[in-house]
Amino acid sequence: MPGEIESRVNFIIEQQAQFAADIQILKERQAENARQIEANAERIRQLIDACMSLARHGEETDRRIRELAESGAHTDRRLDALIDTVDKLVRRNGS
């Protein structure tokens, strides 16, 4: 019987040692995961900043395109008026 108790005590001690080692490994993995989560969070913040910057640039580009379209339309109207004036002058002088 004493050998059996000693065997059980040794088994429990070995199990406790293995459990402690496993807990240590889990703690190390948890710490590494926490570092990775923080790194990922920083990358996500950077991506958000980049997306916001791209959105602002897109809005600015859209504004510039609208301005160019308006300017082009104004130029078209002025060119049409010039062509009309030249056409009238040519017809009057040609008659």
PDB file of N, CA and C in Angstrom:
ATOM      1  N   MET A   1       0.800  -1.201   0.000  1.00  0.00           N
ATOM      2  CA  MET A   1       0.000   0.000   0.000  1.00  0.00           C
ATOM      3  C   MET A   1       0.854   1.281   0.000  1.00  0.00           C
ATOM      4  N   PRO A   2       1.925   1.327   0.827  1.00  0.00           N
ATOM      5  CA  PRO A   2       2.733   2.547   0.816  1.00  0.00           C
ATOM      6  C   PRO A   2       3.333   2.822  -0.571  1.00  0.00           C
ATOM      7  N   GLY A   3       3.697   1.784  -1.313  1.00  0.00           N
ATOM      8  CA  GLY A   3       4.239   1.967  -2.662  1.00  0.00           C
ATOM      9  C   GLY A   3       3.186   2.536  -3.600  1.00  0.00           C
ATOM     10  N   GLU A   4       1.962   2.128  -3.391  1.00  0.00           N
ATOM     11  CA  GLU A   4       0.864   2.614  -4.227  1.00  0.00           C
ATOM     12  C   GLU A   4       0.603   4.101  -3.960  1.00  0.00           C
ATOM     13  N   ILE A   5       0.654   4.504  -2.708  1.00  0.00           N
ATOM     14  CA  ILE A   5       0.437   5.917  -2.354  1.00  0.00           C
ATOM     15  C   ILE A   5       1.582   6.767  -2.914  1.00  0.00           C
ATOM     16  N   GLU A   6       2.795   6.240  -2.743  1.00  0.00           N
ATOM     17  CA  GLU A   6       3.940   6.965  -3.278  1.00  0.00           C
ATOM     18  C   GLU A   6       3.834   7.099  -4.795  1.00  0.00           C
ATOM     19  N   SER A   7       3.385   6.064  -5.454  1.00  0.00           N
ATOM     20  CA  SER A   7       3.208   6.090  -6.901  1.00  0.00           C
ATOM     21  C   SER A   7       2.155   7.131  -7.292  1.00  0.00           C
ATOM     22  N   ARG A   8       1.070   7.173  -6.541  1.00  0.00           N
ATOM     23  CA  ARG A   8       0.014   8.159  -6.822  1.00  0.00           C
ATOM     24  C   ARG A   8       0.506   9.587  -6.570  1.00  0.00           C
ATOM     25  N   VAL A   9       1.264   9.769  -5.484  1.00  0.00           N
ATOM     26  CA  VAL A   9       1.801  11.095  -5.165  1.00  0.00           C
ATOM     27  C   VAL A   9       2.757  11.539  -6.273  1.00  0.00           C
ATOM     28  N   ASN A  10       3.609  10.629  -6.721  1.00  0.00           N
ATOM     29  CA  ASN A  10       4.526  10.955  -7.822  1.00  0.00           C
ATOM     30  C   ASN A  10       3.743  11.304  -9.093  1.00  0.00           C
ATOM     31  N   PHE A  11       2.702  10.547  -9.366  1.00  0.00           N
ATOM     32  CA  PHE A  11       1.865  10.822 -10.547  1.00  0.00           C
ATOM     33  C   PHE A  11       1.250  12.224 -10.440  1.00  0.00           C
ATOM     34  N   ILE A  12       0.722  12.549  -9.261  1.00  0.00           N
ATOM     35  CA  ILE A  12       0.097  13.870  -9.050  1.00  0.00           C
ATOM     36  C   ILE A  12       1.147  14.966  -9.199  1.00  0.00           C
ATOM     37  N   ILE A  13       2.339  14.759  -8.656  1.00  0.00           N
ATOM     38  CA  ILE A  13       3.417  15.755  -8.762  1.00  0.00           C
ATOM     39  C   ILE A  13       3.794  15.956 -10.228  1.00  0.00           C
ATOM     40  N   GLU A  14       3.921  14.844 -10.978  1.00  0.00           N
ATOM     41  CA  GLU A  14       4.262  14.943 -12.402  1.00  0.00           C
ATOM     42  C   GLU A  14       3.159  15.676 -13.173  1.00  0.00           C
ATOM     43  N   GLN A  15       1.937  15.350 -12.844  1.00  0.00           N
ATOM     44  CA  GLN A  15       0.812  16.025 -13.509  1.00  0.00           C
ATOM     45  C   GLN A  15       0.801  17.519 -13.189  1.00  0.00           C
ATOM     46  N   GLN A  16       1.078  17.843 -11.922  1.00  0.00           N
ATOM     47  CA  GLN A  16       1.114  19.252 -11.515  1.00  0.00           C
ATOM     48  C   GLN A  16       2.248  19.979 -12.233  1.00  0.00           C
ATOM     49  N   ALA A  17       3.404  19.327 -12.368  1.00  0.00           N
ATOM     50  CA  ALA A  17       4.538  19.936 -13.069  1.00  0.00           C
ATOM     51  C   ALA A  17       4.184  20.147 -14.538  1.00  0.00           C
ATOM     52  N   GLN A  18       3.544  19.162 -15.172  1.00  0.00           N
ATOM     53  CA  GLN A  18       3.145  19.290 -16.569  1.00  0.00           C
ATOM     54  C   GLN A  18       2.113  20.403 -16.716  1.00  0.00           C
ATOM     55  N   PHE A  19       1.187  20.457 -15.761  1.00  0.00           N
ATOM     56  CA  PHE A  19       0.161  21.504 -15.784  1.00  0.00           C
ATOM     57  C   PHE A  19       0.813  22.887 -15.678  1.00  0.00           C
ATOM     58  N   ALA A  20       1.787  23.033 -14.797  1.00  0.00           N
ATOM     59  CA  ALA A  20       2.481  24.312 -14.623  1.00  0.00           C
ATOM     60  C   ALA A  20       3.227  24.682 -15.906  1.00  0.00           C
ATOM     61  N   ALA A  21       3.869  23.702 -16.546  1.00  0.00           N
ATOM     62  CA  ALA A  21       4.578  23.957 -17.799  1.00  0.00           C
ATOM     63  C   ALA A  21       3.598  24.372 -18.892  1.00  0.00           C
ATOM     64  N   ASP A  22       2.463  23.669 -18.958  1.00  0.00           N
ATOM     65  CA  ASP A  22       1.441  24.010 -19.956  1.00  0.00           C
ATOM     66  C   ASP A  22       0.892  25.414 -19.724  1.00  0.00           C
ATOM     67  N   ILE A  23       0.674  25.773 -18.473  1.00  0.00           N
ATOM     68  CA  ILE A  23       0.170  27.117 -18.135  1.00  0.00           C
ATOM     69  C   ILE A  23       1.186  28.173 -18.576  1.00  0.00           C
ATOM     70  N   GLN A  24       2.473  27.895 -18.350  1.00  0.00           N
ATOM     71  CA  GLN A  24       3.520  28.839 -18.756  1.00  0.00           C
ATOM     72  C   GLN A  24       3.510  29.027 -20.278  1.00  0.00           C
ATOM     73  N   ILE A  25       3.386  27.934 -21.002  1.00  0.00           N
ATOM     74  CA  ILE A  25       3.314  28.014 -22.471  1.00  0.00           C
ATOM     75  C   ILE A  25       2.095  28.829 -22.894  1.00  0.00           C
ATOM     76  N   LEU A  26       0.972  28.603 -22.257  1.00  0.00           N
ATOM     77  CA  LEU A  26      -0.249  29.358 -22.587  1.00  0.00           C
ATOM     78  C   LEU A  26      -0.073  30.844 -22.293  1.00  0.00           C
ATOM     79  N   LYS A  27       0.588  31.170 -21.186  1.00  0.00           N
ATOM     80  CA  LYS A  27       0.845  32.574 -20.849  1.00  0.00           C
ATOM     81  C   LYS A  27       1.732  33.226 -21.911  1.00  0.00           C
ATOM     82  N   GLU A  28       2.750  32.513 -22.358  1.00  0.00           N
ATOM     83  CA  GLU A  28       3.639  33.054 -23.392  1.00  0.00           C
ATOM     84  C   GLU A  28       2.874  33.264 -24.702  1.00  0.00           C
ATOM     85  N   ARG A  29       2.057  32.298 -25.052  1.00  0.00           N
ATOM     86  CA  ARG A  29       1.249  32.443 -26.276  1.00  0.00           C
ATOM     87  C   ARG A  29       0.259  33.594 -26.149  1.00  0.00           C
ATOM     88  N   GLN A  30      -0.324  33.722 -24.963  1.00  0.00           N
ATOM     89  CA  GLN A  30      -1.273  34.813 -24.742  1.00  0.00           C
ATOM     90  C   GLN A  30      -0.567  36.165 -24.868  1.00  0.00           C
ATOM     91  N   ALA A  31       0.636  36.276 -24.340  1.00  0.00           N
ATOM     92  CA  ALA A  31       1.401  37.521 -24.444  1.00  0.00           C
ATOM     93  C   ALA A  31       1.734  37.811 -25.906  1.00  0.00           C
ATOM     94  N   GLU A  32       2.133  36.790 -26.657  1.00  0.00           N
ATOM     95  CA  GLU A  32       2.432  36.968 -28.082  1.00  0.00           C
ATOM     96  C   GLU A  32       1.175  37.377 -28.844  1.00  0.00           C
ATOM     97  N   ASN A  33       0.057  36.748 -28.531  1.00  0.00           N
ATOM     98  CA  ASN A  33      -1.209  37.122 -29.174  1.00  0.00           C
ATOM     99  C   ASN A  33      -1.575  38.573 -28.864  1.00  0.00           C
ATOM    100  N   ALA A  34      -1.348  38.992 -27.640  1.00  0.00           N
ATOM    101  CA  ALA A  34      -1.639  40.384 -27.260  1.00  0.00           C
ATOM    102  C   ALA A  34      -0.768  41.341 -28.071  1.00  0.00           C
ATOM    103  N   ARG A  35       0.512  40.982 -28.255  1.00  0.00           N
ATOM    104  CA  ARG A  35       1.408  41.830 -29.072  1.00  0.00           C
ATOM    105  C   ARG A  35       0.921  41.873 -30.522  1.00  0.00           C
ATOM    106  N   GLN A  36       0.504  40.729 -31.045  1.00  0.00           N
ATOM    107  CA  GLN A  36       0.015  40.682 -32.426  1.00  0.00           C
ATOM    108  C   GLN A  36      -1.280  41.480 -32.574  1.00  0.00           C
ATOM    109  N   ILE A  37      -2.144  41.391 -31.588  1.00  0.00           N
ATOM    110  CA  ILE A  37      -3.406  42.149 -31.636  1.00  0.00           C
ATOM    111  C   ILE A  37      -3.106  43.641 -31.644  1.00  0.00           C
ATOM    112  N   GLU A  38      -2.183  44.079 -30.813  1.00  0.00           N
ATOM    113  CA  GLU A  38      -1.833  45.508 -30.781  1.00  0.00           C
ATOM    114  C   GLU A  38      -1.219  45.940 -32.106  1.00  0.00           C
ATOM    115  N   ALA A  39      -0.339  45.104 -32.666  1.00  0.00           N
ATOM    116  CA  ALA A  39       0.266  45.424 -33.967  1.00  0.00           C
ATOM    117  C   ALA A  39      -0.815  45.497 -35.045  1.00  0.00           C
ATOM    118  N   ASN A  40      -1.747  44.561 -35.014  1.00  0.00           N
ATOM    119  CA  ASN A  40      -2.840  44.569 -35.993  1.00  0.00           C
ATOM    120  C   ASN A  40      -3.732  45.796 -35.814  1.00  0.00           C
ATOM    121  N   ALA A  41      -3.974  46.163 -34.573  1.00  0.00           N
ATOM    122  CA  ALA A  41      -4.794  47.352 -34.312  1.00  0.00           C
ATOM    123  C   ALA A  41      -4.120  48.592 -34.886  1.00  0.00           C
ATOM    124  N   GLU A  42      -2.801  48.679 -34.729  1.00  0.00           N
ATOM    125  CA  GLU A  42      -2.066  49.822 -35.293  1.00  0.00           C
ATOM    126  C   GLU A  42      -2.145  49.810 -36.815  1.00  0.00           C
ATOM    127  N   ARG A  43      -2.006  48.640 -37.408  1.00  0.00           N
ATOM    128  CA  ARG A  43      -2.119  48.552 -38.874  1.00  0.00           C
ATOM    129  C   ARG A  43      -3.517  48.942 -39.339  1.00  0.00           C
ATOM    130  N   ILE A  44      -4.514  48.543 -38.594  1.00  0.00           N
ATOM    131  CA  ILE A  44      -5.897  48.908 -38.945  1.00  0.00           C
ATOM    132  C   ILE A  44      -6.066  50.419 -38.858  1.00  0.00           C
ATOM    133  N   ARG A  45      -5.499  51.038 -37.804  1.00  0.00           N
ATOM    134  CA  ARG A  45      -5.560  52.503 -37.699  1.00  0.00           C
ATOM    135  C   ARG A  45      -4.889  53.162 -38.902  1.00  0.00           C
ATOM    136  N   GLN A  46      -3.754  52.614 -39.319  1.00  0.00           N
ATOM    137  CA  GLN A  46      -3.056  53.170 -40.484  1.00  0.00           C
ATOM    138  C   GLN A  46      -3.888  53.003 -41.750  1.00  0.00           C
ATOM    139  N   LEU A  47      -4.532  51.857 -41.903  1.00  0.00           N
ATOM    140  CA  LEU A  47      -5.396  51.637 -43.066  1.00  0.00           C
ATOM    141  C   LEU A  47      -6.575  52.601 -43.074  1.00  0.00           C
ATOM    142  N   ILE A  48      -7.142  52.831 -41.901  1.00  0.00           N
ATOM    143  CA  ILE A  48      -8.256  53.773 -41.808  1.00  0.00           C
ATOM    144  C   ILE A  48      -7.787  55.167 -42.206  1.00  0.00           C
ATOM    145  N   ASP A  49      -6.626  55.562 -41.696  1.00  0.00           N
ATOM    146  CA  ASP A  49      -6.068  56.876 -42.060  1.00  0.00           C
ATOM    147  C   ASP A  49      -5.849  56.971 -43.566  1.00  0.00           C
ATOM    148  N   ALA A  50      -5.292  55.911 -44.164  1.00  0.00           N
ATOM    149  CA  ALA A  50      -5.046  55.914 -45.611  1.00  0.00           C
ATOM    150  C   ALA A  50      -6.358  55.990 -46.381  1.00  0.00           C
ATOM    151  N   CYS A  51      -7.364  55.241 -45.937  1.00  0.00           N
ATOM    152  CA  CYS A  51      -8.671  55.272 -46.610  1.00  0.00           C
ATOM    153  C   CYS A  51      -9.309  56.651 -46.498  1.00  0.00           C
ATOM    154  N   MET A  52      -9.200  57.256 -45.330  1.00  0.00           N
ATOM    155  CA  MET A  52      -9.771  58.591 -45.158  1.00  0.00           C
ATOM    156  C   MET A  52      -9.046  59.592 -46.062  1.00  0.00           C
ATOM    157  N   SER A  53      -7.741  59.467 -46.154  1.00  0.00           N
ATOM    158  CA  SER A  53      -6.967  60.345 -47.023  1.00  0.00           C
ATOM    159  C   SER A  53      -7.371  60.149 -48.478  1.00  0.00           C
ATOM    160  N   LEU A  54      -7.528  58.904 -48.879  1.00  0.00           N
ATOM    161  CA  LEU A  54      -7.963  58.620 -50.254  1.00  0.00           C
ATOM    162  C   LEU A  54      -9.354  59.182 -50.516  1.00  0.00           C
ATOM    163  N   ALA A  55     -10.228  59.080 -49.540  1.00  0.00           N
ATOM    164  CA  ALA A  55     -11.581  59.632 -49.700  1.00  0.00           C
ATOM    165  C   ALA A  55     -11.518  61.145 -49.875  1.00  0.00           C
ATOM    166  N   ARG A  56     -10.686  61.815 -49.070  1.00  0.00           N
ATOM    167  CA  ARG A  56     -10.539  63.269 -49.202  1.00  0.00           C
ATOM    168  C   ARG A  56      -9.969  63.640 -50.567  1.00  0.00           C
ATOM    169  N   HIS A  57      -8.977  62.879 -51.009  1.00  0.00           N
ATOM    170  CA  HIS A  57      -8.396  63.142 -52.329  1.00  0.00           C
ATOM    171  C   HIS A  57      -9.431  62.889 -53.431  1.00  0.00           C
ATOM    172  N   GLY A  58     -10.231  61.857 -53.265  1.00  0.00           N
ATOM    173  CA  GLY A  58     -11.291  61.575 -54.238  1.00  0.00           C
ATOM    174  C   GLY A  58     -12.299  62.713 -54.303  1.00  0.00           C
ATOM    175  N   GLU A  59     -12.670  63.230 -53.147  1.00  0.00           N
ATOM    176  CA  GLU A  59     -13.609  64.360 -53.118  1.00  0.00           C
ATOM    177  C   GLU A  59     -12.996  65.590 -53.782  1.00  0.00           C
ATOM    178  N   GLU A  60     -11.714  65.825 -53.518  1.00  0.00           N
ATOM    179  CA  GLU A  60     -11.022  66.963 -54.134  1.00  0.00           C
ATOM    180  C   GLU A  60     -10.934  66.778 -55.650  1.00  0.00           C
ATOM    181  N   THR A  61     -10.654  65.571 -56.076  1.00  0.00           N
ATOM    182  CA  THR A  61     -10.601  65.282 -57.514  1.00  0.00           C
ATOM    183  C   THR A  61     -11.963  65.495 -58.156  1.00  0.00           C
ATOM    184  N   ASP A  62     -13.014  65.036 -57.498  1.00  0.00           N
ATOM    185  CA  ASP A  62     -14.368  65.248 -58.017  1.00  0.00           C
ATOM    186  C   ASP A  62     -14.673  66.734 -58.139  1.00  0.00           C
ATOM    187  N   ARG A  63     -14.274  67.508 -57.127  1.00  0.00           N
ATOM    188  CA  ARG A  63     -14.505  68.957 -57.161  1.00  0.00           C
ATOM    189  C   ARG A  63     -13.763  69.584 -58.335  1.00  0.00           C
ATOM    190  N   ARG A  64     -12.513  69.178 -58.526  1.00  0.00           N
ATOM    191  CA  ARG A  64     -11.729  69.729 -59.639  1.00  0.00           C
ATOM    192  C   ARG A  64     -12.326  69.342 -60.994  1.00  0.00           C
ATOM    193  N   ILE A  65     -12.803  68.127 -61.101  1.00  0.00           N
ATOM    194  CA  ILE A  65     -13.428  67.692 -62.358  1.00  0.00           C
ATOM    195  C   ILE A  65     -14.673  68.529 -62.631  1.00  0.00           C
ATOM    196  N   ARG A  66     -15.477  68.781 -61.599  1.00  0.00           N
ATOM    197  CA  ARG A  66     -16.670  69.629 -61.781  1.00  0.00           C
ATOM    198  C   ARG A  66     -16.270  71.029 -62.242  1.00  0.00           C
ATOM    199  N   GLU A  67     -15.222  71.578 -61.605  1.00  0.00           N
ATOM    200  CA  GLU A  67     -14.753  72.904 -62.003  1.00  0.00           C
ATOM    201  C   GLU A  67     -14.276  72.913 -63.448  1.00  0.00           C
ATOM    202  N   LEU A  68     -13.549  71.874 -63.828  1.00  0.00           N
ATOM    203  CA  LEU A  68     -13.070  71.793 -65.210  1.00  0.00           C
ATOM    204  C   LEU A  68     -14.239  71.663 -66.193  1.00  0.00           C
ATOM    205  N   ALA A  69     -15.242  70.888 -65.824  1.00  0.00           N
ATOM    206  CA  ALA A  69     -16.416  70.735 -66.687  1.00  0.00           C
ATOM    207  C   ALA A  69     -17.133  72.077 -66.847  1.00  0.00           C
ATOM    208  N   GLU A  70     -17.274  72.798 -65.727  1.00  0.00           N
ATOM    209  CA  GLU A  70     -17.908  74.123 -65.794  1.00  0.00           C
ATOM    210  C   GLU A  70     -17.076  75.083 -66.639  1.00  0.00           C
ATOM    211  N   SER A  71     -15.774  75.039 -66.445  1.00  0.00           N
ATOM    212  CA  SER A  71     -14.884  75.900 -67.220  1.00  0.00           C
ATOM    213  C   SER A  71     -14.949  75.530 -68.702  1.00  0.00           C
ATOM    214  N   GLY A  72     -14.990  74.243 -68.994  1.00  0.00           N
ATOM    215  CA  GLY A  72     -15.100  73.785 -70.386  1.00  0.00           C
ATOM    216  C   GLY A  72     -16.397  74.249 -71.018  1.00  0.00           C
ATOM    217  N   ALA A  73     -17.487  74.173 -70.257  1.00  0.00           N
ATOM    218  CA  ALA A  73     -18.782  74.625 -70.767  1.00  0.00           C
ATOM    219  C   ALA A  73     -18.739  76.126 -71.037  1.00  0.00           C
ATOM    220  N   HIS A  74     -18.133  76.886 -70.143  1.00  0.00           N
ATOM    221  CA  HIS A  74     -18.004  78.334 -70.330  1.00  0.00           C
ATOM    222  C   HIS A  74     -17.157  78.637 -71.576  1.00  0.00           C
ATOM    223  N   THR A  75     -16.054  77.908 -71.731  1.00  0.00           N
ATOM    224  CA  THR A  75     -15.206  78.079 -72.913  1.00  0.00           C
ATOM    225  C   THR A  75     -15.981  77.743 -74.183  1.00  0.00           C
ATOM    226  N   ASP A  76     -16.776  76.672 -74.136  1.00  0.00           N
ATOM    227  CA  ASP A  76     -17.595  76.307 -75.300  1.00  0.00           C
ATOM    228  C   ASP A  76     -18.543  77.441 -75.670  1.00  0.00           C
ATOM    229  N   ARG A  77     -19.190  78.042 -74.664  1.00  0.00           N
ATOM    230  CA  ARG A  77     -20.120  79.144 -74.943  1.00  0.00           C
ATOM    231  C   ARG A  77     -19.387  80.336 -75.558  1.00  0.00           C
ATOM    232  N   ARG A  78     -18.235  80.668 -75.015  1.00  0.00           N
ATOM    233  CA  ARG A  78     -17.464  81.797 -75.557  1.00  0.00           C
ATOM    234  C   ARG A  78     -16.963  81.490 -76.966  1.00  0.00           C
ATOM    235  N   LEU A  79     -16.535  80.255 -77.193  1.00  0.00           N
ATOM    236  CA  LEU A  79     -16.079  79.862 -78.525  1.00  0.00           C
ATOM    237  C   LEU A  79     -17.231  79.907 -79.518  1.00  0.00           C
ATOM    238  N   ASP A  80     -18.398  79.434 -79.095  1.00  0.00           N
ATOM    239  CA  ASP A  80     -19.585  79.505 -79.963  1.00  0.00           C
ATOM    240  C   ASP A  80     -19.902  80.952 -80.323  1.00  0.00           C
ATOM    241  N   ALA A  81     -19.802  81.861 -79.334  1.00  0.00           N
ATOM    242  CA  ALA A  81     -20.074  83.279 -79.594  1.00  0.00           C
ATOM    243  C   ALA A  81     -19.039  83.846 -80.561  1.00  0.00           C
ATOM    244  N   LEU A  82     -17.773  83.467 -80.402  1.00  0.00           N
ATOM    245  CA  LEU A  82     -16.724  83.937 -81.294  1.00  0.00           C
ATOM    246  C   LEU A  82     -16.943  83.426 -82.710  1.00  0.00           C
ATOM    247  N   ILE A  83     -17.272  82.150 -82.820  1.00  0.00           N
ATOM    248  CA  ILE A  83     -17.541  81.568 -84.142  1.00  0.00           C
ATOM    249  C   ILE A  83     -18.719  82.273 -84.787  1.00  0.00           C
ATOM    250  N   ASP A  84     -19.757  82.523 -84.013  1.00  0.00           N
ATOM    251  CA  ASP A  84     -20.940  83.213 -84.542  1.00  0.00           C
ATOM    252  C   ASP A  84     -20.567  84.614 -85.023  1.00  0.00           C
ATOM    253  N   THR A  85     -19.768  85.324 -84.250  1.00  0.00           N
ATOM    254  CA  THR A  85     -19.342  86.674 -84.628  1.00  0.00           C
ATOM    255  C   THR A  85     -18.503  86.631 -85.907  1.00  0.00           C
ATOM    256  N   VAL A  86     -17.539  85.731 -85.964  1.00  0.00           N
ATOM    257  CA  VAL A  86     -16.695  85.607 -87.155  1.00  0.00           C
ATOM    258  C   VAL A  86     -17.540  85.219 -88.354  1.00  0.00           C
ATOM    259  N   ASP A  87     -18.463  84.302 -88.168  1.00  0.00           N
ATOM    260  CA  ASP A  87     -19.350  83.873 -89.260  1.00  0.00           C
ATOM    261  C   ASP A  87     -20.155  85.046 -89.792  1.00  0.00           C
ATOM    262  N   LYS A  88     -20.701  85.865 -88.886  1.00  0.00           N
ATOM    263  CA  LYS A  88     -21.476  87.032 -89.312  1.00  0.00           C
ATOM    264  C   LYS A  88     -20.603  88.029 -90.063  1.00  0.00           C
ATOM    265  N   LEU A  89     -19.356  88.221 -89.602  1.00  0.00           N
ATOM    266  CA  LEU A  89     -18.448  89.144 -90.266  1.00  0.00           C
ATOM    267  C   LEU A  89     -18.089  88.640 -91.667  1.00  0.00           C
ATOM    268  N   VAL A  90     -17.850  87.360 -91.767  1.00  0.00           N
ATOM    269  CA  VAL A  90     -17.497  86.771 -93.058  1.00  0.00           C
ATOM    270  C   VAL A  90     -18.671  86.890 -94.018  1.00  0.00           C
ATOM    271  N   ARG A  91     -19.874  86.638 -93.555  1.00  0.00           N
ATOM    272  CA  ARG A  91     -21.054  86.723 -94.417  1.00  0.00           C
ATOM    273  C   ARG A  91     -21.292  88.159 -94.852  1.00  0.00           C
ATOM    274  N   ARG A  92     -21.109  89.115 -93.942  1.00  0.00           N
ATOM    275  CA  ARG A  92     -21.357  90.508 -94.274  1.00  0.00           C
ATOM    276  C   ARG A  92     -20.324  91.002 -95.290  1.00  0.00           C
ATOM    277  N   ASN A  93     -19.068  90.622 -95.094  1.00  0.00           N
ATOM    278  CA  ASN A  93     -18.001  91.062 -95.986  1.00  0.00           C
ATOM    279  C   ASN A  93     -18.035  90.281 -97.291  1.00  0.00           C
ATOM    280  N   GLY A  94     -18.564  89.108 -97.271  1.00  0.00           N
ATOM    281  CA  GLY A  94     -18.631  88.267 -98.457  1.00  0.00           C
ATOM    282  C   GLY A  94     -19.777  88.638 -99.375  1.00  0.00           C
ATOM    283  N   SER A  95     -20.757  89.354 -98.895  1.00  0.00           N
ATOM    284  CA  SER A  95     -21.936  89.690 -99.683  1.00  0.00           C
ATOM    285  C   SER A  95     -21.728  90.833-100.603  1.00  0.00           C
TER     286      SER A  95
END
